[in-house]
Amino acid sequence: MNNYLHLAGRILLALIFVISGFGKLADTAGTAGYMAAMGVPTVLLWPTIALEVLGGIAIIAGFQTRWAALALAGFSVVSGVIFHSNFADQIQLIMFLKNLAMAGGFLLLAASGATALSVDARRA
């Protein structure tokens, strides 16, 4: 049962990144504008999309799980600080804490690695 719970956890952690990455891909101009408004160089748009989509898929598949989890944990913290640091706004505070919670989940995944239901396990 643990293998299935681990797979479900990986899917739930990664789903927000895959969906968000494809959303950015569907509106690159709007995303670039939002990034610029927040002081983020728009040259980071495509690496962001790649990290969200490919990193999310890697987590779901259990491919290079530890590295993908570390990358997404770092991304969660950095993006939370940049985009959700207006703590006077309760919604932004909750969004920031959500990012920290996701980072925590990814750190646990980085520490444990993927279980039997993963590409990593098949390759081992």
PDB file of N, CA and C in Angstrom:
ATOM      1  N   MET A   1       0.812  -1.192   0.000  1.00  0.00           N
ATOM      2  CA  MET A   1       0.000   0.000   0.000  1.00  0.00           C
ATOM      3  C   MET A   1       0.867   1.273   0.000  1.00  0.00           C
ATOM      4  N   ASN A   2       2.033   1.219   0.644  1.00  0.00           N
ATOM      5  CA  ASN A   2       2.898   2.393   0.701  1.00  0.00           C
ATOM      6  C   ASN A   2       3.318   2.867  -0.685  1.00  0.00           C
ATOM      7  N   ASN A   3       3.582   1.908  -1.584  1.00  0.00           N
ATOM      8  CA  ASN A   3       3.980   2.298  -2.941  1.00  0.00           C
ATOM      9  C   ASN A   3       2.881   3.099  -3.636  1.00  0.00           C
ATOM     10  N   TYR A   4       1.632   2.697  -3.440  1.00  0.00           N
ATOM     11  CA  TYR A   4       0.518   3.408  -4.066  1.00  0.00           C
ATOM     12  C   TYR A   4       0.286   4.774  -3.420  1.00  0.00           C
ATOM     13  N   LEU A   5       0.462   4.841  -2.100  1.00  0.00           N
ATOM     14  CA  LEU A   5       0.337   6.130  -1.418  1.00  0.00           C
ATOM     15  C   LEU A   5       1.444   7.084  -1.862  1.00  0.00           C
ATOM     16  N   HIS A   6       2.626   6.547  -2.038  1.00  0.00           N
ATOM     17  CA  HIS A   6       3.754   7.364  -2.491  1.00  0.00           C
ATOM     18  C   HIS A   6       3.490   7.897  -3.897  1.00  0.00           C
ATOM     19  N   LEU A   7       2.984   7.038  -4.770  1.00  0.00           N
ATOM     20  CA  LEU A   7       2.643   7.465  -6.131  1.00  0.00           C
ATOM     21  C   LEU A   7       1.556   8.537  -6.094  1.00  0.00           C
ATOM     22  N   ALA A   8       0.518   8.333  -5.295  1.00  0.00           N
ATOM     23  CA  ALA A   8      -0.556   9.327  -5.180  1.00  0.00           C
ATOM     24  C   ALA A   8       0.000  10.650  -4.658  1.00  0.00           C
ATOM     25  N   GLY A   9       0.886  10.593  -3.690  1.00  0.00           N
ATOM     26  CA  GLY A   9       1.504  11.799  -3.165  1.00  0.00           C
ATOM     27  C   GLY A   9       2.320  12.527  -4.214  1.00  0.00           C
ATOM     28  N   ARG A  10       3.082  11.780  -5.011  1.00  0.00           N
ATOM     29  CA  ARG A  10       3.864  12.403  -6.082  1.00  0.00           C
ATOM     30  C   ARG A  10       2.954  13.088  -7.091  1.00  0.00           C
ATOM     31  N   ILE A  11       1.868  12.417  -7.450  1.00  0.00           N
ATOM     32  CA  ILE A  11       0.932  12.997  -8.411  1.00  0.00           C
ATOM     33  C   ILE A  11       0.322  14.281  -7.853  1.00  0.00           C
ATOM     34  N   LEU A  12      -0.120  14.245  -6.602  1.00  0.00           N
ATOM     35  CA  LEU A  12      -0.758  15.415  -6.002  1.00  0.00           C
ATOM     36  C   LEU A  12       0.217  16.575  -5.845  1.00  0.00           C
ATOM     37  N   LEU A  13       1.457  16.297  -5.487  1.00  0.00           N
ATOM     38  CA  LEU A  13       2.466  17.358  -5.375  1.00  0.00           C
ATOM     39  C   LEU A  13       2.768  17.981  -6.736  1.00  0.00           C
ATOM     40  N   ALA A  14       2.848  17.161  -7.756  1.00  0.00           N
ATOM     41  CA  ALA A  14       3.306  17.632  -9.066  1.00  0.00           C
ATOM     42  C   ALA A  14       2.212  18.251  -9.916  1.00  0.00           C
ATOM     43  N   LEU A  15       0.983  17.881  -9.673  1.00  0.00           N
ATOM     44  CA  LEU A  15      -0.114  18.295 -10.549  1.00  0.00           C
ATOM     45  C   LEU A  15      -0.211  19.814 -10.683  1.00  0.00           C
ATOM     46  N   ILE A  16      -0.050  20.546  -9.597  1.00  0.00           N
ATOM     47  CA  ILE A  16      -0.152  22.003  -9.647  1.00  0.00           C
ATOM     48  C   ILE A  16       0.915  22.605 -10.568  1.00  0.00           C
ATOM     49  N   PHE A  17       2.093  21.983 -10.614  1.00  0.00           N
ATOM     50  CA  PHE A  17       3.164  22.507 -11.454  1.00  0.00           C
ATOM     51  C   PHE A  17       2.909  22.210 -12.925  1.00  0.00           C
ATOM     52  N   VAL A  18       2.443  21.024 -13.225  1.00  0.00           N
ATOM     53  CA  VAL A  18       2.160  20.668 -14.618  1.00  0.00           C
ATOM     54  C   VAL A  18       1.047  21.563 -15.164  1.00  0.00           C
ATOM     55  N   ILE A  19      -0.023  21.710 -14.406  1.00  0.00           N
ATOM     56  CA  ILE A  19      -1.146  22.546 -14.854  1.00  0.00           C
ATOM     57  C   ILE A  19      -0.709  24.005 -14.975  1.00  0.00           C
ATOM     58  N   SER A  20       0.036  24.495 -14.004  1.00  0.00           N
ATOM     59  CA  SER A  20       0.500  25.880 -14.037  1.00  0.00           C
ATOM     60  C   SER A  20       1.445  26.123 -15.208  1.00  0.00           C
ATOM     61  N   GLY A  21       2.324  25.174 -15.470  1.00  0.00           N
ATOM     62  CA  GLY A  21       3.252  25.304 -16.595  1.00  0.00           C
ATOM     63  C   GLY A  21       2.520  25.369 -17.921  1.00  0.00           C
ATOM     64  N   PHE A  22       1.519  24.511 -18.098  1.00  0.00           N
ATOM     65  CA  PHE A  22       0.753  24.545 -19.344  1.00  0.00           C
ATOM     66  C   PHE A  22      -0.083  25.825 -19.431  1.00  0.00           C
ATOM     67  N   GLY A  23      -0.544  26.325 -18.296  1.00  0.00           N
ATOM     68  CA  GLY A  23      -1.259  27.599 -18.282  1.00  0.00           C
ATOM     69  C   GLY A  23      -0.374  28.742 -18.735  1.00  0.00           C
ATOM     70  N   LYS A  24       0.876  28.730 -18.271  1.00  0.00           N
ATOM     71  CA  LYS A  24       1.834  29.754 -18.706  1.00  0.00           C
ATOM     72  C   LYS A  24       2.109  29.619 -20.199  1.00  0.00           C
ATOM     73  N   LEU A  25       2.189  28.401 -20.669  1.00  0.00           N
ATOM     74  CA  LEU A  25       2.436  28.140 -22.085  1.00  0.00           C
ATOM     75  C   LEU A  25       1.277  28.646 -22.945  1.00  0.00           C
ATOM     76  N   ALA A  26       0.066  28.564 -22.419  1.00  0.00           N
ATOM     77  CA  ALA A  26      -1.113  29.019 -23.161  1.00  0.00           C
ATOM     78  C   ALA A  26      -1.196  30.539 -23.231  1.00  0.00           C
ATOM     79  N   ASP A  27      -0.547  31.250 -22.308  1.00  0.00           N
ATOM     80  CA  ASP A  27      -0.585  32.716 -22.296  1.00  0.00           C
ATOM     81  C   ASP A  27       0.789  33.260 -21.942  1.00  0.00           C
ATOM     82  N   THR A  28       1.748  33.046 -22.827  1.00  0.00           N
ATOM     83  CA  THR A  28       3.116  33.471 -22.533  1.00  0.00           C
ATOM     84  C   THR A  28       3.217  34.993 -22.407  1.00  0.00           C
ATOM     85  N   ALA A  29       2.468  35.724 -23.211  1.00  0.00           N
ATOM     86  CA  ALA A  29       2.537  37.190 -23.136  1.00  0.00           C
ATOM     87  C   ALA A  29       2.010  37.687 -21.797  1.00  0.00           C
ATOM     88  N   GLY A  30       0.906  37.156 -21.364  1.00  0.00           N
ATOM     89  CA  GLY A  30       0.340  37.554 -20.077  1.00  0.00           C
ATOM     90  C   GLY A  30       1.247  37.180 -18.916  1.00  0.00           C
ATOM     91  N   THR A  31       1.828  35.987 -18.978  1.00  0.00           N
ATOM     92  CA  THR A  31       2.740  35.544 -17.931  1.00  0.00           C
ATOM     93  C   THR A  31       3.996  36.405 -17.899  1.00  0.00           C
ATOM     94  N   ALA A  32       4.532  36.701 -19.074  1.00  0.00           N
ATOM     95  CA  ALA A  32       5.723  37.562 -19.150  1.00  0.00           C
ATOM     96  C   ALA A  32       5.424  38.943 -18.577  1.00  0.00           C
ATOM     97  N   GLY A  33       4.253  39.464 -18.856  1.00  0.00           N
ATOM     98  CA  GLY A  33       3.862  40.763 -18.324  1.00  0.00           C
ATOM     99  C   GLY A  33       3.753  40.737 -16.811  1.00  0.00           C
ATOM    100  N   TYR A  34       3.179  39.674 -16.274  1.00  0.00           N
ATOM    101  CA  TYR A  34       3.053  39.541 -14.821  1.00  0.00           C
ATOM    102  C   TYR A  34       4.431  39.411 -14.174  1.00  0.00           C
ATOM    103  N   MET A  35       5.288  38.626 -14.786  1.00  0.00           N
ATOM    104  CA  MET A  35       6.645  38.470 -14.260  1.00  0.00           C
ATOM    105  C   MET A  35       7.362  39.818 -14.246  1.00  0.00           C
ATOM    106  N   ALA A  36       7.262  40.556 -15.342  1.00  0.00           N
ATOM    107  CA  ALA A  36       7.923  41.863 -15.436  1.00  0.00           C
ATOM    108  C   ALA A  36       7.377  42.820 -14.381  1.00  0.00           C
ATOM    109  N   ALA A  37       6.066  42.777 -14.160  1.00  0.00           N
ATOM    110  CA  ALA A  37       5.449  43.651 -13.158  1.00  0.00           C
ATOM    111  C   ALA A  37       5.947  43.343 -11.754  1.00  0.00           C
ATOM    112  N   MET A  38       6.369  42.114 -11.529  1.00  0.00           N
ATOM    113  CA  MET A  38       6.877  41.710 -10.214  1.00  0.00           C
ATOM    114  C   MET A  38       8.399  41.822 -10.137  1.00  0.00           C
ATOM    115  N   GLY A  39       9.017  42.358 -11.203  1.00  0.00           N
ATOM    116  CA  GLY A  39      10.459  42.567 -11.197  1.00  0.00           C
ATOM    117  C   GLY A  39      11.282  41.354 -11.595  1.00  0.00           C
ATOM    118  N   VAL A  40      10.628  40.360 -12.181  1.00  0.00           N
ATOM    119  CA  VAL A  40      11.327  39.146 -12.608  1.00  0.00           C
ATOM    120  C   VAL A  40      11.658  39.278 -14.094  1.00  0.00           C
ATOM    121  N   PRO A  41      12.910  39.058 -14.483  1.00  0.00           N
ATOM    122  CA  PRO A  41      13.275  39.156 -15.902  1.00  0.00           C
ATOM    123  C   PRO A  41      12.477  38.159 -16.744  1.00  0.00           C
ATOM    124  N   THR A  42      11.928  38.649 -17.836  1.00  0.00           N
ATOM    125  CA  THR A  42      11.094  37.781 -18.673  1.00  0.00           C
ATOM    126  C   THR A  42      11.895  36.688 -19.377  1.00  0.00           C
ATOM    127  N   VAL A  43      13.208  36.819 -19.378  1.00  0.00           N
ATOM    128  CA  VAL A  43      14.043  35.765 -19.952  1.00  0.00           C
ATOM    129  C   VAL A  43      13.876  34.459 -19.158  1.00  0.00           C
ATOM    130  N   LEU A  44      13.345  34.551 -17.949  1.00  0.00           N
ATOM    131  CA  LEU A  44      13.125  33.366 -17.116  1.00  0.00           C
ATOM    132  C   LEU A  44      11.799  32.660 -17.407  1.00  0.00           C
ATOM    133  N   LEU A  45      11.015  33.200 -18.335  1.00  0.00           N
ATOM    134  CA  LEU A  45       9.722  32.589 -18.653  1.00  0.00           C
ATOM    135  C   LEU A  45       9.867  31.144 -19.128  1.00  0.00           C
ATOM    136  N   TRP A  46      10.700  30.929 -20.136  1.00  0.00           N
ATOM    137  CA  TRP A  46      10.814  29.573 -20.708  1.00  0.00           C
ATOM    138  C   TRP A  46      11.471  28.583 -19.744  1.00  0.00           C
ATOM    139  N   PRO A  47      12.513  28.970 -19.010  1.00  0.00           N
ATOM    140  CA  PRO A  47      13.026  28.031 -17.997  1.00  0.00           C
ATOM    141  C   PRO A  47      11.992  27.707 -16.920  1.00  0.00           C
ATOM    142  N   THR A  48      11.158  28.688 -16.580  1.00  0.00           N
ATOM    143  CA  THR A  48      10.107  28.445 -15.589  1.00  0.00           C
ATOM    144  C   THR A  48       9.098  27.432 -16.109  1.00  0.00           C
ATOM    145  N   ILE A  49       8.660  27.636 -17.338  1.00  0.00           N
ATOM    146  CA  ILE A  49       7.707  26.694 -17.942  1.00  0.00           C
ATOM    147  C   ILE A  49       8.318  25.301 -18.008  1.00  0.00           C
ATOM    148  N   ALA A  50       9.571  25.210 -18.448  1.00  0.00           N
ATOM    149  CA  ALA A  50      10.236  23.910 -18.553  1.00  0.00           C
ATOM    150  C   ALA A  50      10.342  23.241 -17.187  1.00  0.00           C
ATOM    151  N   LEU A  51      10.724  23.995 -16.164  1.00  0.00           N
ATOM    152  CA  LEU A  51      10.844  23.416 -14.825  1.00  0.00           C
ATOM    153  C   LEU A  51       9.501  22.917 -14.321  1.00  0.00           C
ATOM    154  N   GLU A  52       8.465  23.727 -14.488  1.00  0.00           N
ATOM    155  CA  GLU A  52       7.156  23.315 -13.992  1.00  0.00           C
ATOM    156  C   GLU A  52       6.629  22.085 -14.726  1.00  0.00           C
ATOM    157  N   VAL A  53       6.676  22.101 -16.042  1.00  0.00           N
ATOM    158  CA  VAL A  53       6.106  20.983 -16.814  1.00  0.00           C
ATOM    159  C   VAL A  53       6.991  19.746 -16.710  1.00  0.00           C
ATOM    160  N   LEU A  54       8.272  19.891 -17.049  1.00  0.00           N
ATOM    161  CA  LEU A  54       9.152  18.719 -17.053  1.00  0.00           C
ATOM    162  C   LEU A  54       9.450  18.223 -15.643  1.00  0.00           C
ATOM    163  N   GLY A  55       9.637  19.150 -14.707  1.00  0.00           N
ATOM    164  CA  GLY A  55       9.858  18.745 -13.323  1.00  0.00           C
ATOM    165  C   GLY A  55       8.645  18.044 -12.748  1.00  0.00           C
ATOM    166  N   GLY A  56       7.463  18.582 -13.040  1.00  0.00           N
ATOM    167  CA  GLY A  56       6.229  17.943 -12.567  1.00  0.00           C
ATOM    168  C   GLY A  56       6.037  16.552 -13.149  1.00  0.00           C
ATOM    169  N   ILE A  57       6.287  16.424 -14.443  1.00  0.00           N
ATOM    170  CA  ILE A  57       6.159  15.101 -15.088  1.00  0.00           C
ATOM    171  C   ILE A  57       7.201  14.138 -14.516  1.00  0.00           C
ATOM    172  N   ALA A  58       8.408  14.628 -14.273  1.00  0.00           N
ATOM    173  CA  ALA A  58       9.448  13.772 -13.688  1.00  0.00           C
ATOM    174  C   ALA A  58       9.029  13.265 -12.308  1.00  0.00           C
ATOM    175  N   ILE A  59       8.426  14.132 -11.506  1.00  0.00           N
ATOM    176  CA  ILE A  59       7.967  13.716 -10.181  1.00  0.00           C
ATOM    177  C   ILE A  59       6.874  12.661 -10.315  1.00  0.00           C
ATOM    178  N   ILE A  60       5.918  12.893 -11.180  1.00  0.00           N
ATOM    179  CA  ILE A  60       4.832  11.927 -11.363  1.00  0.00           C
ATOM    180  C   ILE A  60       5.380  10.582 -11.808  1.00  0.00           C
ATOM    181  N   ALA A  61       6.290  10.603 -12.776  1.00  0.00           N
ATOM    182  CA  ALA A  61       6.857   9.355 -13.295  1.00  0.00           C
ATOM    183  C   ALA A  61       7.870   8.731 -12.342  1.00  0.00           C
ATOM    184  N   GLY A  62       8.379   9.526 -11.421  1.00  0.00           N
ATOM    185  CA  GLY A  62       9.424   9.024 -10.533  1.00  0.00           C
ATOM    186  C   GLY A  62      10.755   8.918 -11.258  1.00  0.00           C
ATOM    187  N   PHE A  63      11.047   9.892 -12.103  1.00  0.00           N
ATOM    188  CA  PHE A  63      12.294   9.921 -12.875  1.00  0.00           C
ATOM    189  C   PHE A  63      13.211  10.992 -12.301  1.00  0.00           C
ATOM    190  N   GLN A  64      14.427  10.604 -11.908  1.00  0.00           N
ATOM    191  CA  GLN A  64      15.347  11.553 -11.283  1.00  0.00           C
ATOM    192  C   GLN A  64      14.619  12.307 -10.163  1.00  0.00           C
ATOM    193  N   THR A  65      13.911  11.538  -9.366  1.00  0.00           N
ATOM    194  CA  THR A  65      12.985  12.083  -8.382  1.00  0.00           C
ATOM    195  C   THR A  65      13.654  13.013  -7.380  1.00  0.00           C
ATOM    196  N   ARG A  66      14.783  12.614  -6.855  1.00  0.00           N
ATOM    197  CA  ARG A  66      15.439  13.437  -5.834  1.00  0.00           C
ATOM    198  C   ARG A  66      15.836  14.805  -6.394  1.00  0.00           C
ATOM    199  N   TRP A  67      16.415  14.835  -7.602  1.00  0.00           N
ATOM    200  CA  TRP A  67      16.841  16.092  -8.208  1.00  0.00           C
ATOM    201  C   TRP A  67      15.644  16.958  -8.579  1.00  0.00           C
ATOM    202  N   ALA A  68      14.626  16.347  -9.158  1.00  0.00           N
ATOM    203  CA  ALA A  68      13.427  17.107  -9.532  1.00  0.00           C
ATOM    204  C   ALA A  68      12.748  17.672  -8.288  1.00  0.00           C
ATOM    205  N   ALA A  69      12.703  16.896  -7.225  1.00  0.00           N
ATOM    206  CA  ALA A  69      12.088  17.360  -5.980  1.00  0.00           C
ATOM    207  C   ALA A  69      12.871  18.527  -5.377  1.00  0.00           C
ATOM    208  N   LEU A  70      14.191  18.442  -5.399  1.00  0.00           N
ATOM    209  CA  LEU A  70      15.002  19.558  -4.892  1.00  0.00           C
ATOM    210  C   LEU A  70      14.786  20.818  -5.724  1.00  0.00           C
ATOM    211  N   ALA A  71      14.733  20.661  -7.033  1.00  0.00           N
ATOM    212  CA  ALA A  71      14.525  21.815  -7.910  1.00  0.00           C
ATOM    213  C   ALA A  71      13.164  22.457  -7.653  1.00  0.00           C
ATOM    214  N   LEU A  72      12.129  21.643  -7.524  1.00  0.00           N
ATOM    215  CA  LEU A  72      10.798  22.190  -7.298  1.00  0.00           C
ATOM    216  C   LEU A  72      10.639  22.739  -5.881  1.00  0.00           C
ATOM    217  N   ALA A  73      11.350  22.185  -4.921  1.00  0.00           N
ATOM    218  CA  ALA A  73      11.329  22.746  -3.562  1.00  0.00           C
ATOM    219  C   ALA A  73      11.926  24.149  -3.582  1.00  0.00           C
ATOM    220  N   GLY A  74      13.077  24.297  -4.215  1.00  0.00           N
ATOM    221  CA  GLY A  74      13.706  25.611  -4.318  1.00  0.00           C
ATOM    222  C   GLY A  74      12.838  26.594  -5.074  1.00  0.00           C
ATOM    223  N   PHE A  75      12.248  26.143  -6.171  1.00  0.00           N
ATOM    224  CA  PHE A  75      11.364  26.989  -6.968  1.00  0.00           C
ATOM    225  C   PHE A  75      10.165  27.442  -6.140  1.00  0.00           C
ATOM    226  N   SER A  76       9.618  26.543  -5.337  1.00  0.00           N
ATOM    227  CA  SER A  76       8.456  26.884  -4.503  1.00  0.00           C
ATOM    228  C   SER A  76       8.783  27.989  -3.517  1.00  0.00           C
ATOM    229  N   VAL A  77       9.942  27.895  -2.891  1.00  0.00           N
ATOM    230  CA  VAL A  77      10.340  28.918  -1.918  1.00  0.00           C
ATOM    231  C   VAL A  77      10.607  30.247  -2.616  1.00  0.00           C
ATOM    232  N   VAL A  78      11.402  30.211  -3.681  1.00  0.00           N
ATOM    233  CA  VAL A  78      11.755  31.453  -4.388  1.00  0.00           C
ATOM    234  C   VAL A  78      10.509  32.126  -4.968  1.00  0.00           C
ATOM    235  N   SER A  79       9.655  31.363  -5.612  1.00  0.00           N
ATOM    236  CA  SER A  79       8.457  31.974  -6.200  1.00  0.00           C
ATOM    237  C   SER A  79       7.509  32.478  -5.117  1.00  0.00           C
ATOM    238  N   GLY A  80       7.462  31.808  -3.987  1.00  0.00           N
ATOM    239  CA  GLY A  80       6.647  32.298  -2.876  1.00  0.00           C
ATOM    240  C   GLY A  80       7.137  33.632  -2.362  1.00  0.00           C
ATOM    241  N   VAL A  81       8.446  33.752  -2.218  1.00  0.00           N
ATOM    242  CA  VAL A  81       9.030  35.010  -1.741  1.00  0.00           C
ATOM    243  C   VAL A  81       8.769  36.137  -2.738  1.00  0.00           C
ATOM    244  N   ILE A  82       8.899  35.851  -4.016  1.00  0.00           N
ATOM    245  CA  ILE A  82       8.741  36.887  -5.036  1.00  0.00           C
ATOM    246  C   ILE A  82       7.272  37.275  -5.233  1.00  0.00           C
ATOM    247  N   PHE A  83       6.403  36.291  -5.360  1.00  0.00           N
ATOM    248  CA  PHE A  83       5.037  36.564  -5.780  1.00  0.00           C
ATOM    249  C   PHE A  83       4.012  36.630  -4.646  1.00  0.00           C
ATOM    250  N   HIS A  84       4.363  36.141  -3.462  1.00  0.00           N
ATOM    251  CA  HIS A  84       3.377  36.081  -2.375  1.00  0.00           C
ATOM    252  C   HIS A  84       3.913  36.665  -1.074  1.00  0.00           C
ATOM    253  N   SER A  85       4.667  37.738  -1.147  1.00  0.00           N
ATOM    254  CA  SER A  85       5.297  38.274   0.064  1.00  0.00           C
ATOM    255  C   SER A  85       4.548  39.455   0.683  1.00  0.00           C
ATOM    256  N   ASN A  86       3.376  39.760   0.163  1.00  0.00           N
ATOM    257  CA  ASN A  86       2.557  40.818   0.762  1.00  0.00           C
ATOM    258  C   ASN A  86       1.745  40.207   1.906  1.00  0.00           C
ATOM    259  N   PHE A  87       2.380  40.076   3.067  1.00  0.00           N
ATOM    260  CA  PHE A  87       1.753  39.382   4.182  1.00  0.00           C
ATOM    261  C   PHE A  87       0.612  40.166   4.820  1.00  0.00           C
ATOM    262  N   ALA A  88       0.450  41.432   4.453  1.00  0.00           N
ATOM    263  CA  ALA A  88      -0.697  42.197   4.938  1.00  0.00           C
ATOM    264  C   ALA A  88      -1.990  41.681   4.300  1.00  0.00           C
ATOM    265  N   ASP A  89      -1.870  41.062   3.141  1.00  0.00           N
ATOM    266  CA  ASP A  89      -3.002  40.448   2.444  1.00  0.00           C
ATOM    267  C   ASP A  89      -3.070  38.978   2.875  1.00  0.00           C
ATOM    268  N   GLN A  90      -4.138  38.608   3.573  1.00  0.00           N
ATOM    269  CA  GLN A  90      -4.234  37.257   4.116  1.00  0.00           C
ATOM    270  C   GLN A  90      -4.155  36.190   3.022  1.00  0.00           C
ATOM    271  N   ILE A  91      -4.735  36.441   1.862  1.00  0.00           N
ATOM    272  CA  ILE A  91      -4.670  35.472   0.757  1.00  0.00           C
ATOM    273  C   ILE A  91      -3.224  35.251   0.333  1.00  0.00           C
ATOM    274  N   GLN A  92      -2.448  36.341   0.248  1.00  0.00           N
ATOM    275  CA  GLN A  92      -1.042  36.208  -0.132  1.00  0.00           C
ATOM    276  C   GLN A  92      -0.254  35.455   0.939  1.00  0.00           C
ATOM    277  N   LEU A  93      -0.568  35.679   2.181  1.00  0.00           N
ATOM    278  CA  LEU A  93       0.084  34.933   3.260  1.00  0.00           C
ATOM    279  C   LEU A  93      -0.220  33.447   3.139  1.00  0.00           C
ATOM    280  N   ILE A  94      -1.471  33.115   2.867  1.00  0.00           N
ATOM    281  CA  ILE A  94      -1.860  31.708   2.706  1.00  0.00           C
ATOM    282  C   ILE A  94      -1.162  31.100   1.493  1.00  0.00           C
ATOM    283  N   MET A  95      -1.074  31.854   0.401  1.00  0.00           N
ATOM    284  CA  MET A  95      -0.382  31.362  -0.791  1.00  0.00           C
ATOM    285  C   MET A  95       1.102  31.130  -0.504  1.00  0.00           C
ATOM    286  N   PHE A  96       1.708  32.037   0.263  1.00  0.00           N
ATOM    287  CA  PHE A  96       3.106  31.874   0.651  1.00  0.00           C
ATOM    288  C   PHE A  96       3.283  30.603   1.484  1.00  0.00           C
ATOM    289  N   LEU A  97       2.397  30.402   2.455  1.00  0.00           N
ATOM    290  CA  LEU A  97       2.478  29.201   3.298  1.00  0.00           C
ATOM    291  C   LEU A  97       2.229  27.931   2.484  1.00  0.00           C
ATOM    292  N   LYS A  98       1.365  28.029   1.475  1.00  0.00           N
ATOM    293  CA  LYS A  98       1.137  26.895   0.565  1.00  0.00           C
ATOM    294  C   LYS A  98       2.426  26.545  -0.160  1.00  0.00           C
ATOM    295  N   ASN A  99       3.140  27.564  -0.619  1.00  0.00           N
ATOM    296  CA  ASN A  99       4.422  27.314  -1.289  1.00  0.00           C
ATOM    297  C   ASN A  99       5.416  26.653  -0.340  1.00  0.00           C
ATOM    298  N   LEU A 100       5.458  27.115   0.915  1.00  0.00           N
ATOM    299  CA  LEU A 100       6.358  26.496   1.890  1.00  0.00           C
ATOM    300  C   LEU A 100       5.954  25.052   2.165  1.00  0.00           C
ATOM    301  N   ALA A 101       4.661  24.794   2.238  1.00  0.00           N
ATOM    302  CA  ALA A 101       4.190  23.424   2.469  1.00  0.00           C
ATOM    303  C   ALA A 101       4.581  22.506   1.308  1.00  0.00           C
ATOM    304  N   MET A 102       4.446  23.010   0.084  1.00  0.00           N
ATOM    305  CA  MET A 102       4.860  22.213  -1.079  1.00  0.00           C
ATOM    306  C   MET A 102       6.361  21.958  -1.036  1.00  0.00           C
ATOM    307  N   ALA A 103       7.133  22.975  -0.666  1.00  0.00           N
ATOM    308  CA  ALA A 103       8.581  22.793  -0.555  1.00  0.00           C
ATOM    309  C   ALA A 103       8.892  21.721   0.474  1.00  0.00           C
ATOM    310  N   GLY A 104       8.172  21.728   1.583  1.00  0.00           N
ATOM    311  CA  GLY A 104       8.373  20.691   2.601  1.00  0.00           C
ATOM    312  C   GLY A 104       8.084  19.301   2.067  1.00  0.00           C
ATOM    313  N   GLY A 105       7.011  19.162   1.327  1.00  0.00           N
ATOM    314  CA  GLY A 105       6.694  17.874   0.713  1.00  0.00           C
ATOM    315  C   GLY A 105       7.771  17.426  -0.258  1.00  0.00           C
ATOM    316  N   PHE A 106       8.280  18.362  -1.041  1.00  0.00           N
ATOM    317  CA  PHE A 106       9.343  18.026  -1.988  1.00  0.00           C
ATOM    318  C   PHE A 106      10.641  17.666  -1.276  1.00  0.00           C
ATOM    319  N   LEU A 107      10.933  18.319  -0.163  1.00  0.00           N
ATOM    320  CA  LEU A 107      12.136  17.960   0.602  1.00  0.00           C
ATOM    321  C   LEU A 107      12.013  16.544   1.163  1.00  0.00           C
ATOM    322  N   LEU A 108      10.836  16.187   1.633  1.00  0.00           N
ATOM    323  CA  LEU A 108      10.624  14.809   2.096  1.00  0.00           C
ATOM    324  C   LEU A 108      10.797  13.824   0.942  1.00  0.00           C
ATOM    325  N   LEU A 109      10.287  14.187  -0.217  1.00  0.00           N
ATOM    326  CA  LEU A 109      10.436  13.329  -1.397  1.00  0.00           C
ATOM    327  C   LEU A 109      11.892  13.229  -1.813  1.00  0.00           C
ATOM    328  N   ALA A 110      12.620  14.327  -1.741  1.00  0.00           N
ATOM    329  CA  ALA A 110      14.047  14.298  -2.071  1.00  0.00           C
ATOM    330  C   ALA A 110      14.801  13.394  -1.104  1.00  0.00           C
ATOM    331  N   ALA A 111      14.411  13.413   0.152  1.00  0.00           N
ATOM    332  CA  ALA A 111      15.081  12.573   1.152  1.00  0.00           C
ATOM    333  C   ALA A 111      14.759  11.097   0.964  1.00  0.00           C
ATOM    334  N   SER A 112      13.512  10.791   0.605  1.00  0.00           N
ATOM    335  CA  SER A 112      13.100   9.384   0.512  1.00  0.00           C
ATOM    336  C   SER A 112      13.331   8.793  -0.869  1.00  0.00           C
ATOM    337  N   GLY A 113      13.278   9.617  -1.896  1.00  0.00           N
ATOM    338  CA  GLY A 113      13.352   9.099  -3.255  1.00  0.00           C
ATOM    339  C   GLY A 113      12.039   8.431  -3.636  1.00  0.00           C
ATOM    340  N   ALA A 114      11.963   7.994  -4.853  1.00  0.00           N
ATOM    341  CA  ALA A 114      10.751   7.331  -5.338  1.00  0.00           C
ATOM    342  C   ALA A 114      10.750   5.877  -4.884  1.00  0.00           C
ATOM    343  N   THR A 115       9.561   5.311  -4.786  1.00  0.00           N
ATOM    344  CA  THR A 115       9.430   3.913  -4.374  1.00  0.00           C
ATOM    345  C   THR A 115       9.279   3.035  -5.615  1.00  0.00           C
ATOM    346  N   ALA A 116       8.767   1.821  -5.415  1.00  0.00           N
ATOM    347  CA  ALA A 116       8.733   0.816  -6.476  1.00  0.00           C
ATOM    348  C   ALA A 116       7.978   1.261  -7.718  1.00  0.00           C
ATOM    349  N   LEU A 117       6.964   2.074  -7.573  1.00  0.00           N
ATOM    350  CA  LEU A 117       6.169   2.488  -8.723  1.00  0.00           C
ATOM    351  C   LEU A 117       6.761   3.759  -9.338  1.00  0.00           C
ATOM    352  N   SER A 118       7.949   3.614  -9.911  1.00  0.00           N
ATOM    353  CA  SER A 118       8.658   4.764 -10.477  1.00  0.00           C
ATOM    354  C   SER A 118       9.668   4.318 -11.520  1.00  0.00           C
ATOM    355  N   VAL A 119      10.040   5.244 -12.363  1.00  0.00           N
ATOM    356  CA  VAL A 119      11.097   4.984 -13.347  1.00  0.00           C
ATOM    357  C   VAL A 119      12.413   4.732 -12.614  1.00  0.00           C
ATOM    358  N   ASP A 120      12.675   5.502 -11.568  1.00  0.00           N
ATOM    359  CA  ASP A 120      13.916   5.323 -10.803  1.00  0.00           C
ATOM    360  C   ASP A 120      14.062   3.893 -10.291  1.00  0.00           C
ATOM    361  N   ALA A 121      12.986   3.322  -9.783  1.00  0.00           N
ATOM    362  CA  ALA A 121      13.027   1.947  -9.270  1.00  0.00           C
ATOM    363  C   ALA A 121      13.248   0.943 -10.397  1.00  0.00           C
ATOM    364  N   ARG A 122      12.648   1.200 -11.530  1.00  0.00           N
ATOM    365  CA  ARG A 122      12.818   0.299 -12.687  1.00  0.00           C
ATOM    366  C   ARG A 122      14.265   0.295 -13.176  1.00  0.00           C
ATOM    367  N   ARG A 123      14.894   1.468 -13.094  1.00  0.00           N
ATOM    368  CA  ARG A 123      16.263   1.621 -13.587  1.00  0.00           C
ATOM    369  C   ARG A 123      17.291   1.081 -12.615  1.00  0.00           C
ATOM    370  N   ALA A 124      16.901   0.933 -11.354  1.00  0.00           N
ATOM    371  CA  ALA A 124      17.874   0.487 -10.319  1.00  0.00           C
ATOM    372  C   ALA A 124      18.158  -0.990 -10.401  1.00  0.00           C
TER     373      ALA A 124
END
